[in-house]
Amino acid sequence: MRIVLEDVGRKFNREWIFRGLSYTFEPGKGYAILGSNGSGKSTLLQVINGNLQATHGKIEYQVGEGLLTQDKVYRHISLGTPYQELIWDFSLQESLEFHARFKPYLGGMGPADILRVTGLERHRHKALRYFSSGMKQRVRLALAILSDTRVILLDEPSMNLDAEGRRWYDELLEAYAPGRLLIVCSNHQEEEYRRCGEVIDIRDYKISDF
């Protein structure tokens, strides 16, 4: 899927978070959106995802020669963020099964395969609320990267991960991201976006005189 932004901007109250962003995200490529905390990169990701509406400009989602309507975009995009809410009373097994009802996993994978990839098999019957922050982040990343979608959107993916978890994240991208559009928001943590060939600095779109 190709995502085309034309003069896109978003503001809260009277403040423009970013403005004047025209960019084309091509299928099969990796892009990094860089910015410090509070710079607006997460807001931009939510606009791209369709969870927030752009204040100005327009976004097109192209599949082949056709355009997707907004109500169909979610089927093609998976999102992994550290602020993403899960159903904390679900066990890991229940969470994986529930997710599969809305988005299938890659290559016919099932919950057992996802458990194996996460390395959390022995916690399958534990409620997510009792997981450590690093374990929760593994679940979020696995659900995003292993869903059968054309586009992967990740926000600060290494947050709460230890050194082993960061290696696991990189291996997950190496194995399952090729051929898909990948967009990673990062607070200049190079290990998060080293597989992204193009970089967007959100500061280039911080226009304060509008």
Protein backbone atom coordinates (compact mmCIF):
# COMPACT_ATOMS: atom_id res chain seq x y z
CA MET A 1 0.00 0.00 0.00
CA ARG A 2 1.16 3.52 -0.84
CA ILE A 3 0.31 6.35 1.57
CA VAL A 4 0.32 9.86 0.11
CA LEU A 5 0.25 12.97 2.33
CA GLU A 6 -0.57 16.28 0.66
CA ASP A 7 0.13 19.45 2.66
CA VAL A 8 -0.95 17.71 5.87
CA GLY A 9 -1.06 19.49 9.20
CA ARG A 10 -2.53 18.95 12.64
CA LYS A 11 -3.15 21.43 15.41
CA PHE A 12 -4.49 21.30 18.96
CA ASN A 13 -6.35 24.39 20.06
CA ARG A 14 -4.42 27.19 18.33
CA GLU A 15 -1.05 25.45 18.15
CA TRP A 16 0.11 23.70 15.02
CA ILE A 17 1.86 20.46 15.97
CA PHE A 18 3.15 20.14 12.42
CA ARG A 19 2.11 21.62 9.08
CA GLY A 20 2.97 21.55 5.39
CA LEU A 21 3.92 17.88 5.22
CA SER A 22 3.75 16.42 1.73
CA TYR A 23 5.26 12.97 1.46
CA THR A 24 4.74 9.63 -0.26
CA PHE A 25 5.38 6.41 1.66
CA GLU A 26 6.09 3.71 -0.89
CA PRO A 27 5.20 0.03 -0.40
CA GLY A 28 8.03 -2.24 0.67
CA LYS A 29 10.21 0.57 2.05
CA GLY A 30 11.19 1.64 5.56
CA TYR A 31 10.82 5.18 6.92
CA ALA A 32 11.88 6.74 10.22
CA ILE A 33 10.09 9.74 11.72
CA LEU A 34 12.46 11.36 14.19
CA GLY A 35 11.79 13.86 16.94
CA SER A 36 12.29 14.53 20.62
CA ASN A 37 9.65 13.86 23.26
CA GLY A 38 6.60 16.05 22.66
CA SER A 39 7.69 17.04 19.15
CA GLY A 40 4.59 15.64 17.42
CA LYS A 41 5.90 12.47 15.84
CA SER A 42 3.36 10.29 17.67
CA THR A 43 0.60 12.66 16.57
CA LEU A 44 1.76 12.32 12.98
CA LEU A 45 1.71 8.54 13.27
CA GLN A 46 -1.86 8.66 14.58
CA VAL A 47 -2.86 10.89 11.65
CA ILE A 48 -1.26 8.45 9.19
CA ASN A 49 -3.05 5.60 10.93
CA GLY A 50 -6.39 7.38 10.71
CA ASN A 51 -6.96 7.52 14.46
CA LEU A 52 -6.66 11.31 14.27
CA GLN A 53 -7.98 13.49 11.48
CA ALA A 54 -5.66 15.97 9.81
CA THR A 55 -6.60 19.59 10.47
CA HIS A 56 -5.36 20.54 7.02
CA GLY A 57 -4.48 18.69 3.85
CA LYS A 58 -5.43 15.18 2.79
CA ILE A 59 -4.17 11.61 2.93
CA GLU A 60 -4.69 8.95 0.25
CA TYR A 61 -4.25 5.22 0.73
CA GLN A 62 -3.51 3.54 -2.59
CA VAL A 63 -3.62 -0.18 -3.30
CA GLY A 64 -2.71 -0.94 -6.89
CA GLU A 65 -4.60 1.53 -9.05
CA GLY A 66 -7.38 2.06 -6.54
CA LEU A 67 -7.98 4.20 -3.46
CA LEU A 68 -9.09 2.81 -0.12
CA THR A 69 -11.94 4.44 1.74
CA GLN A 70 -11.20 5.38 5.35
CA ASP A 71 -13.38 2.61 6.74
CA LYS A 72 -11.23 -0.04 5.04
CA VAL A 73 -7.79 1.33 5.90
CA TYR A 74 -7.57 -0.45 9.27
CA ARG A 75 -7.51 -3.83 7.57
CA HIS A 76 -4.19 -3.01 5.93
CA ILE A 77 -2.39 -1.28 8.83
CA SER A 78 -1.09 -2.61 12.13
CA LEU A 79 0.05 -0.32 14.92
CA GLY A 80 2.42 -0.95 17.83
CA THR A 81 2.96 1.78 20.43
CA PRO A 82 3.99 1.82 24.12
CA TYR A 83 0.75 3.68 24.98
CA GLN A 84 -1.41 1.09 23.21
CA GLU A 85 -4.07 -0.33 25.49
CA LEU A 86 -4.63 -4.08 25.63
CA ILE A 87 -7.35 -5.96 27.49
CA TRP A 88 -5.42 -6.38 30.70
CA ASP A 89 -7.75 -9.00 32.20
CA PHE A 90 -7.11 -11.33 29.26
CA SER A 91 -4.42 -13.95 29.53
CA LEU A 92 -1.77 -13.86 26.83
CA GLN A 93 -3.43 -16.85 25.14
CA GLU A 94 -6.82 -15.12 25.20
CA SER A 95 -5.34 -11.89 23.88
CA LEU A 96 -3.73 -13.63 20.91
CA GLU A 97 -6.94 -15.49 20.09
CA PHE A 98 -9.02 -12.32 20.41
CA HIS A 99 -6.69 -10.37 18.11
CA ALA A 100 -6.90 -13.07 15.43
CA ARG A 101 -10.66 -12.52 15.22
CA PHE A 102 -10.05 -9.07 13.77
CA LYS A 103 -6.73 -9.42 11.96
CA PRO A 104 -5.25 -12.73 10.85
CA TYR A 105 -1.60 -13.46 11.42
CA LEU A 106 1.03 -13.74 8.70
CA GLY A 107 1.34 -16.93 6.70
CA GLY A 108 -1.44 -18.76 8.48
CA MET A 109 0.29 -18.48 11.84
CA GLY A 110 -1.83 -19.16 14.90
CA PRO A 111 -1.64 -18.21 18.58
CA ALA A 112 0.77 -21.08 19.29
CA ASP A 113 3.17 -19.72 16.67
CA ILE A 114 2.94 -16.21 18.07
CA LEU A 115 3.65 -17.52 21.56
CA ARG A 116 6.76 -19.24 20.25
CA VAL A 117 7.98 -16.08 18.51
CA THR A 118 7.47 -13.91 21.58
CA GLY A 119 9.32 -16.35 23.82
CA LEU A 120 6.56 -15.98 26.42
CA GLU A 121 5.08 -19.51 26.21
CA ARG A 122 5.32 -20.16 29.93
CA HIS A 123 3.23 -17.04 30.59
CA ARG A 124 0.41 -18.01 28.25
CA HIS A 125 -2.18 -18.31 31.03
CA LYS A 126 -1.08 -15.22 32.97
CA ALA A 127 -3.22 -12.08 32.77
CA LEU A 128 -1.53 -9.29 30.85
CA ARG A 129 -1.95 -6.92 33.80
CA TYR A 130 0.72 -8.93 35.64
CA PHE A 131 3.25 -8.73 32.82
CA SER A 132 6.32 -6.55 33.20
CA SER A 133 6.56 -3.45 30.99
CA GLY A 134 9.04 -5.25 28.75
CA MET A 135 6.77 -8.28 28.35
CA LYS A 136 3.82 -6.02 27.48
CA GLN A 137 5.94 -4.30 24.85
CA ARG A 138 6.85 -7.66 23.33
CA VAL A 139 3.16 -8.48 23.02
CA ARG A 140 2.39 -5.13 21.37
CA LEU A 141 5.23 -5.50 18.88
CA ALA A 142 4.37 -9.11 18.06
CA LEU A 143 0.72 -8.25 17.43
CA ALA A 144 1.74 -5.39 15.12
CA ILE A 145 4.53 -7.07 13.17
CA LEU A 146 2.99 -10.53 12.89
CA SER A 147 -0.44 -9.36 11.73
CA ASP A 148 -1.09 -9.96 8.05
CA THR A 149 -1.06 -6.31 6.99
CA ARG A 150 0.62 -4.31 4.24
CA VAL A 151 1.76 -1.55 6.61
CA ILE A 152 3.50 -1.62 10.02
CA LEU A 153 3.49 1.54 12.15
CA LEU A 154 5.68 1.54 15.27
CA ASP A 155 6.22 4.26 17.86
CA GLU A 156 9.40 4.10 19.96
CA PRO A 157 9.44 0.30 19.67
CA SER A 158 12.41 -0.30 21.98
CA MET A 159 10.81 1.48 24.93
CA ASN A 160 10.85 -0.79 28.02
CA LEU A 161 12.91 -3.44 26.22
CA ASP A 162 16.21 -4.64 27.67
CA ALA A 163 19.21 -5.54 25.50
CA GLU A 164 17.82 -9.01 24.78
CA GLY A 165 14.43 -7.54 23.92
CA ARG A 166 15.99 -5.04 21.51
CA ARG A 167 17.81 -7.85 19.72
CA TRP A 168 14.53 -9.77 19.56
CA TYR A 169 12.78 -6.73 18.04
CA ASP A 170 15.47 -6.34 15.37
CA GLU A 171 15.30 -10.04 14.49
CA LEU A 172 11.51 -9.79 14.26
CA LEU A 173 11.80 -6.99 11.71
CA GLU A 174 14.48 -8.83 9.79
CA ALA A 175 12.27 -11.91 9.50
CA TYR A 176 8.82 -10.39 8.95
CA ALA A 177 9.06 -6.78 7.72
CA PRO A 178 10.63 -7.21 4.24
CA GLY A 179 8.21 -6.42 1.45
CA ARG A 180 5.95 -4.35 3.69
CA LEU A 181 5.74 -0.61 4.30
CA LEU A 182 7.40 0.13 7.65
CA ILE A 183 7.19 3.48 9.46
CA VAL A 184 9.03 3.84 12.78
CA CYS A 185 8.80 6.87 15.08
CA SER A 186 11.88 7.27 17.23
CA ASN A 187 13.48 9.62 19.72
CA HIS A 188 16.74 9.33 17.75
CA GLN A 189 17.40 5.77 18.96
CA GLU A 190 19.23 4.43 15.90
CA GLU A 191 18.73 0.79 16.81
CA GLU A 192 14.97 1.31 16.44
CA TYR A 193 15.09 2.45 12.83
CA ARG A 194 18.30 1.08 11.38
CA ARG A 195 16.26 -0.93 8.87
CA CYS A 196 14.63 2.26 7.56
CA GLY A 197 16.20 3.74 4.46
CA GLU A 198 14.57 7.18 4.62
CA VAL A 199 14.35 9.68 7.48
CA ILE A 200 11.82 12.43 8.18
CA ASP A 201 12.66 14.99 10.87
CA ILE A 202 9.44 16.32 12.40
CA ARG A 203 11.26 19.59 13.20
CA ASP A 204 11.18 20.44 9.49
CA TYR A 205 7.40 20.81 9.77
CA LYS A 206 7.20 22.78 13.03
CA ILE A 207 5.72 25.97 11.63
CA SER A 208 4.94 28.47 14.37
CA ASP A 209 3.79 31.53 12.45
CA PHE A 210 0.35 30.29 11.32
